[in-house]
């Protein structure tokens, strides 16, 4: 086994786990902010500028859709009420309009 192959797998595992952990945090905070959570809105304003949030949403978009599916869509099927729609444009307007 060469040295390159020896270091390749642990580095790939670290990159994948980092993507999953950061994506989990960002996607749950964005979904909470879309549904009107005051703490999530304050947290996003504190930790992200417009460009940072924009690129984070692009980077973690698959996880964002998955979090929305599990946190908003499935509960709305059982309760027959839609709490919030998946609308990133209105979230950005609410956060950075002023």
N, C-alpha and C. Protein backbone atom coordinates (compact mmCIF):
# COMPACT_ATOMS: atom_id res chain seq x y z
N UNK A 1 0.85 -1.17 0.00
CA UNK A 1 0.00 0.00 0.00
C UNK A 1 0.90 1.24 0.00
N UNK A 2 0.64 2.12 -0.91
CA UNK A 2 1.47 3.31 -1.00
C UNK A 2 1.04 4.34 0.03
N UNK A 3 1.89 5.30 0.25
CA UNK A 3 1.59 6.35 1.22
C UNK A 3 0.40 7.19 0.78
N UNK A 4 0.29 7.42 -0.53
CA UNK A 4 -0.83 8.20 -1.03
C UNK A 4 -2.17 7.51 -0.75
N UNK A 5 -2.24 6.22 -1.00
CA UNK A 5 -3.46 5.48 -0.74
C UNK A 5 -3.74 5.39 0.76
N UNK A 6 -2.69 5.31 1.55
CA UNK A 6 -2.84 5.24 3.00
C UNK A 6 -3.53 6.49 3.55
N UNK A 7 -3.18 7.66 3.03
CA UNK A 7 -3.76 8.91 3.52
C UNK A 7 -5.03 9.31 2.79
N UNK A 8 -5.29 8.72 1.64
CA UNK A 8 -6.46 9.11 0.86
C UNK A 8 -7.77 8.77 1.57
N UNK A 9 -7.91 7.57 2.07
CA UNK A 9 -9.17 7.16 2.71
C UNK A 9 -9.49 7.95 3.98
N UNK A 10 -8.55 8.14 4.90
CA UNK A 10 -8.91 8.97 6.08
C UNK A 10 -9.26 10.41 5.72
N UNK A 11 -8.57 10.97 4.72
CA UNK A 11 -8.90 12.33 4.31
C UNK A 11 -10.28 12.38 3.68
N UNK A 12 -10.64 11.41 2.87
CA UNK A 12 -11.97 11.37 2.27
C UNK A 12 -13.06 11.20 3.33
N UNK A 13 -12.81 10.34 4.32
CA UNK A 13 -13.77 10.18 5.41
C UNK A 13 -13.95 11.50 6.17
N UNK A 14 -12.86 12.20 6.42
CA UNK A 14 -12.93 13.47 7.14
C UNK A 14 -13.71 14.51 6.33
N UNK A 15 -13.49 14.56 5.02
CA UNK A 15 -14.21 15.51 4.17
C UNK A 15 -15.71 15.19 4.16
N UNK A 16 -16.05 13.93 4.02
CA UNK A 16 -17.46 13.53 3.99
C UNK A 16 -18.14 13.80 5.32
N UNK A 17 -17.49 13.47 6.42
CA UNK A 17 -18.09 13.72 7.74
C UNK A 17 -18.22 15.22 8.02
N UNK A 18 -17.26 16.02 7.58
CA UNK A 18 -17.35 17.46 7.76
C UNK A 18 -18.53 18.02 6.97
N UNK A 19 -18.71 17.55 5.73
CA UNK A 19 -19.84 17.99 4.93
C UNK A 19 -21.16 17.62 5.61
N UNK A 20 -21.25 16.41 6.13
CA UNK A 20 -22.49 15.98 6.78
C UNK A 20 -22.79 16.77 8.04
N UNK A 21 -21.80 17.03 8.86
CA UNK A 21 -22.02 17.75 10.12
C UNK A 21 -22.39 19.20 9.84
N UNK A 22 -21.62 19.88 8.99
CA UNK A 22 -21.94 21.28 8.68
C UNK A 22 -23.26 21.39 7.93
N UNK A 23 -23.53 20.46 7.04
CA UNK A 23 -24.80 20.46 6.32
C UNK A 23 -25.98 20.25 7.23
N UNK A 24 -25.82 19.38 8.22
CA UNK A 24 -26.86 19.14 9.21
C UNK A 24 -27.19 20.42 9.97
N UNK A 25 -26.16 21.12 10.42
CA UNK A 25 -26.37 22.34 11.20
C UNK A 25 -27.02 23.43 10.36
N UNK A 26 -26.46 23.68 9.18
CA UNK A 26 -26.97 24.75 8.32
C UNK A 26 -28.38 24.44 7.85
N UNK A 27 -28.63 23.20 7.44
CA UNK A 27 -29.96 22.88 6.90
C UNK A 27 -31.04 22.97 7.97
N UNK A 28 -30.78 22.51 9.17
CA UNK A 28 -31.79 22.61 10.22
C UNK A 28 -32.03 24.05 10.63
N UNK A 29 -30.99 24.87 10.68
CA UNK A 29 -31.20 26.28 11.02
C UNK A 29 -31.96 27.01 9.93
N UNK A 30 -31.68 26.72 8.68
CA UNK A 30 -32.40 27.38 7.58
C UNK A 30 -33.86 26.94 7.55
N UNK A 31 -34.12 25.67 7.76
CA UNK A 31 -35.52 25.20 7.79
C UNK A 31 -36.25 25.81 8.98
N UNK A 32 -35.58 25.91 10.11
CA UNK A 32 -36.22 26.54 11.27
C UNK A 32 -36.49 28.02 11.01
N UNK A 33 -35.58 28.69 10.31
CA UNK A 33 -35.80 30.10 9.98
C UNK A 33 -36.92 30.26 8.96
N UNK A 34 -37.04 29.33 8.01
CA UNK A 34 -38.13 29.41 7.03
C UNK A 34 -39.48 29.27 7.70
N UNK A 35 -39.55 28.48 8.79
CA UNK A 35 -40.83 28.33 9.46
C UNK A 35 -41.06 29.39 10.52
N UNK A 36 -40.17 30.38 10.62
CA UNK A 36 -40.41 31.52 11.48
C UNK A 36 -39.78 31.46 12.85
N UNK A 37 -38.84 30.58 13.06
CA UNK A 37 -38.18 30.48 14.36
C UNK A 37 -37.31 31.70 14.64
N UNK A 38 -37.62 32.42 15.71
CA UNK A 38 -36.89 33.65 16.03
C UNK A 38 -35.43 33.37 16.37
N UNK A 39 -35.16 32.30 17.11
CA UNK A 39 -33.79 31.96 17.47
C UNK A 39 -32.98 31.63 16.22
N UNK A 40 -33.58 30.93 15.27
CA UNK A 40 -32.87 30.58 14.03
C UNK A 40 -32.57 31.81 13.20
N UNK A 41 -33.50 32.76 13.15
CA UNK A 41 -33.25 33.99 12.40
C UNK A 41 -32.10 34.78 13.02
N UNK A 42 -32.08 34.87 14.33
CA UNK A 42 -30.99 35.59 15.01
C UNK A 42 -29.68 34.86 14.81
N UNK A 43 -29.68 33.53 14.88
CA UNK A 43 -28.46 32.74 14.71
C UNK A 43 -27.89 32.92 13.31
N UNK A 44 -28.75 32.91 12.30
CA UNK A 44 -28.27 33.08 10.93
C UNK A 44 -27.71 34.48 10.73
N UNK A 45 -28.39 35.50 11.25
CA UNK A 45 -27.88 36.87 11.11
C UNK A 45 -26.53 37.04 11.81
N UNK A 46 -26.36 36.34 12.93
CA UNK A 46 -25.11 36.45 13.69
C UNK A 46 -23.95 35.75 13.00
N UNK A 47 -24.21 34.61 12.36
CA UNK A 47 -23.13 33.78 11.83
C UNK A 47 -22.89 33.90 10.33
N UNK A 48 -23.81 34.49 9.58
CA UNK A 48 -23.68 34.52 8.13
C UNK A 48 -23.92 35.91 7.58
N UNK A 49 -23.13 36.27 6.57
CA UNK A 49 -23.47 37.42 5.74
C UNK A 49 -24.34 36.90 4.59
N UNK A 50 -24.79 37.80 3.74
CA UNK A 50 -25.63 37.38 2.62
C UNK A 50 -24.89 36.39 1.72
N UNK A 51 -23.67 36.72 1.35
CA UNK A 51 -22.91 35.84 0.45
C UNK A 51 -22.58 34.49 1.10
N UNK A 52 -22.23 34.50 2.38
CA UNK A 52 -21.93 33.25 3.06
C UNK A 52 -23.15 32.33 3.13
N UNK A 53 -24.31 32.91 3.44
CA UNK A 53 -25.52 32.10 3.49
C UNK A 53 -25.91 31.60 2.11
N UNK A 54 -25.75 32.46 1.10
CA UNK A 54 -26.07 32.07 -0.27
C UNK A 54 -25.24 30.87 -0.70
N UNK A 55 -23.94 30.93 -0.48
CA UNK A 55 -23.08 29.80 -0.89
C UNK A 55 -23.28 28.58 0.00
N UNK A 56 -23.61 28.76 1.25
CA UNK A 56 -23.91 27.62 2.12
C UNK A 56 -25.19 26.92 1.67
N UNK A 57 -26.18 27.69 1.26
CA UNK A 57 -27.42 27.09 0.76
C UNK A 57 -27.16 26.32 -0.53
N UNK A 58 -26.34 26.88 -1.41
CA UNK A 58 -26.00 26.16 -2.64
C UNK A 58 -25.23 24.88 -2.33
N UNK A 59 -24.26 24.97 -1.44
CA UNK A 59 -23.42 23.82 -1.12
C UNK A 59 -24.20 22.71 -0.42
N UNK A 60 -25.08 23.09 0.48
CA UNK A 60 -25.82 22.10 1.27
C UNK A 60 -27.27 21.94 0.82
N UNK A 61 -27.57 22.28 -0.42
CA UNK A 61 -28.94 22.21 -0.92
C UNK A 61 -29.57 20.82 -0.80
N UNK A 62 -28.86 19.73 -1.14
CA UNK A 62 -29.49 18.41 -0.96
C UNK A 62 -29.89 18.13 0.49
N UNK A 63 -29.04 18.50 1.43
CA UNK A 63 -29.37 18.29 2.83
C UNK A 63 -30.49 19.22 3.29
N UNK A 64 -30.55 20.40 2.71
CA UNK A 64 -31.62 21.34 3.02
C UNK A 64 -32.97 20.79 2.59
N UNK A 65 -33.03 20.23 1.40
CA UNK A 65 -34.28 19.63 0.93
C UNK A 65 -34.67 18.42 1.79
N UNK A 66 -33.68 17.63 2.19
CA UNK A 66 -33.95 16.47 3.03
C UNK A 66 -34.46 16.89 4.41
N UNK A 67 -33.86 17.92 4.98
CA UNK A 67 -34.32 18.42 6.28
C UNK A 67 -35.73 18.99 6.17
N UNK A 68 -36.02 19.71 5.08
CA UNK A 68 -37.37 20.23 4.89
C UNK A 68 -38.38 19.09 4.76
N UNK A 69 -37.99 18.05 4.05
CA UNK A 69 -38.88 16.90 3.87
C UNK A 69 -39.22 16.27 5.21
N UNK A 70 -38.23 16.05 6.05
CA UNK A 70 -38.48 15.38 7.32
C UNK A 70 -39.09 16.29 8.39
N UNK A 71 -38.76 17.58 8.37
CA UNK A 71 -39.25 18.47 9.43
C UNK A 71 -40.54 19.20 9.09
N UNK A 72 -40.84 19.38 7.80
CA UNK A 72 -42.03 20.14 7.44
C UNK A 72 -43.03 19.34 6.61
N UNK A 73 -42.56 18.63 5.61
CA UNK A 73 -43.48 17.97 4.70
C UNK A 73 -44.17 16.76 5.33
N UNK A 74 -43.41 15.87 5.93
CA UNK A 74 -44.02 14.67 6.53
C UNK A 74 -44.98 15.04 7.67
N UNK A 75 -44.63 15.96 8.59
CA UNK A 75 -45.63 16.34 9.59
C UNK A 75 -46.88 16.99 8.99
N UNK A 76 -46.72 17.73 7.88
CA UNK A 76 -47.90 18.35 7.27
C UNK A 76 -48.82 17.31 6.63
N UNK A 77 -48.28 16.18 6.22
CA UNK A 77 -49.11 15.11 5.67
C UNK A 77 -50.00 14.53 6.77
N UNK A 78 -49.45 14.37 7.97
CA UNK A 78 -50.22 13.78 9.06
C UNK A 78 -51.19 14.77 9.70
N UNK A 79 -50.86 16.06 9.70
CA UNK A 79 -51.72 17.04 10.35
C UNK A 79 -52.61 17.79 9.36
N UNK A 80 -52.40 17.59 8.07
CA UNK A 80 -53.18 18.22 7.01
C UNK A 80 -53.11 19.74 7.05
N UNK A 81 -52.00 20.29 7.49
CA UNK A 81 -51.79 21.73 7.45
C UNK A 81 -50.35 22.00 7.03
N UNK A 82 -50.17 23.00 6.20
CA UNK A 82 -48.83 23.36 5.72
C UNK A 82 -48.33 24.51 6.59
N UNK A 83 -47.25 24.28 7.32
CA UNK A 83 -46.70 25.32 8.19
C UNK A 83 -45.92 26.35 7.41
N UNK A 84 -45.07 25.90 6.51
CA UNK A 84 -44.31 26.83 5.69
C UNK A 84 -43.98 26.18 4.36
N UNK A 85 -43.84 26.99 3.35
CA UNK A 85 -43.45 26.50 2.04
C UNK A 85 -41.94 26.63 1.91
N UNK A 86 -41.37 25.82 1.03
CA UNK A 86 -39.94 25.89 0.78
C UNK A 86 -39.68 27.09 -0.12
N UNK A 87 -39.34 28.21 0.48
CA UNK A 87 -39.15 29.44 -0.26
C UNK A 87 -37.92 30.16 0.28
N UNK A 88 -36.79 29.93 -0.36
CA UNK A 88 -35.55 30.54 0.09
C UNK A 88 -35.51 32.04 -0.22
N UNK A 89 -36.18 32.45 -1.27
CA UNK A 89 -36.17 33.86 -1.65
C UNK A 89 -36.81 34.72 -0.56
N UNK A 90 -37.92 34.27 -0.01
CA UNK A 90 -38.55 35.05 1.06
C UNK A 90 -37.71 35.03 2.33
N UNK A 91 -36.98 33.95 2.57
CA UNK A 91 -36.08 33.90 3.73
C UNK A 91 -34.96 34.92 3.58
N UNK A 92 -34.35 34.97 2.42
CA UNK A 92 -33.30 35.95 2.18
C UNK A 92 -33.83 37.38 2.28
N UNK A 93 -35.04 37.60 1.77
CA UNK A 93 -35.64 38.93 1.88
C UNK A 93 -35.89 39.31 3.34
N UNK A 94 -36.36 38.36 4.11
CA UNK A 94 -36.63 38.63 5.52
C UNK A 94 -35.34 38.90 6.31
N UNK A 95 -34.30 38.17 5.99
CA UNK A 95 -33.04 38.31 6.73
C UNK A 95 -32.24 39.54 6.33
N UNK A 96 -32.17 39.81 5.04
CA UNK A 96 -31.21 40.82 4.57
C UNK A 96 -31.87 41.96 3.78
N UNK A 97 -33.14 42.25 4.00
CA UNK A 97 -33.81 43.28 3.23
C UNK A 97 -33.48 44.69 3.72
N UNK A 98 -33.10 44.86 4.96
CA UNK A 98 -32.86 46.19 5.47
C UNK A 98 -31.42 46.53 5.49
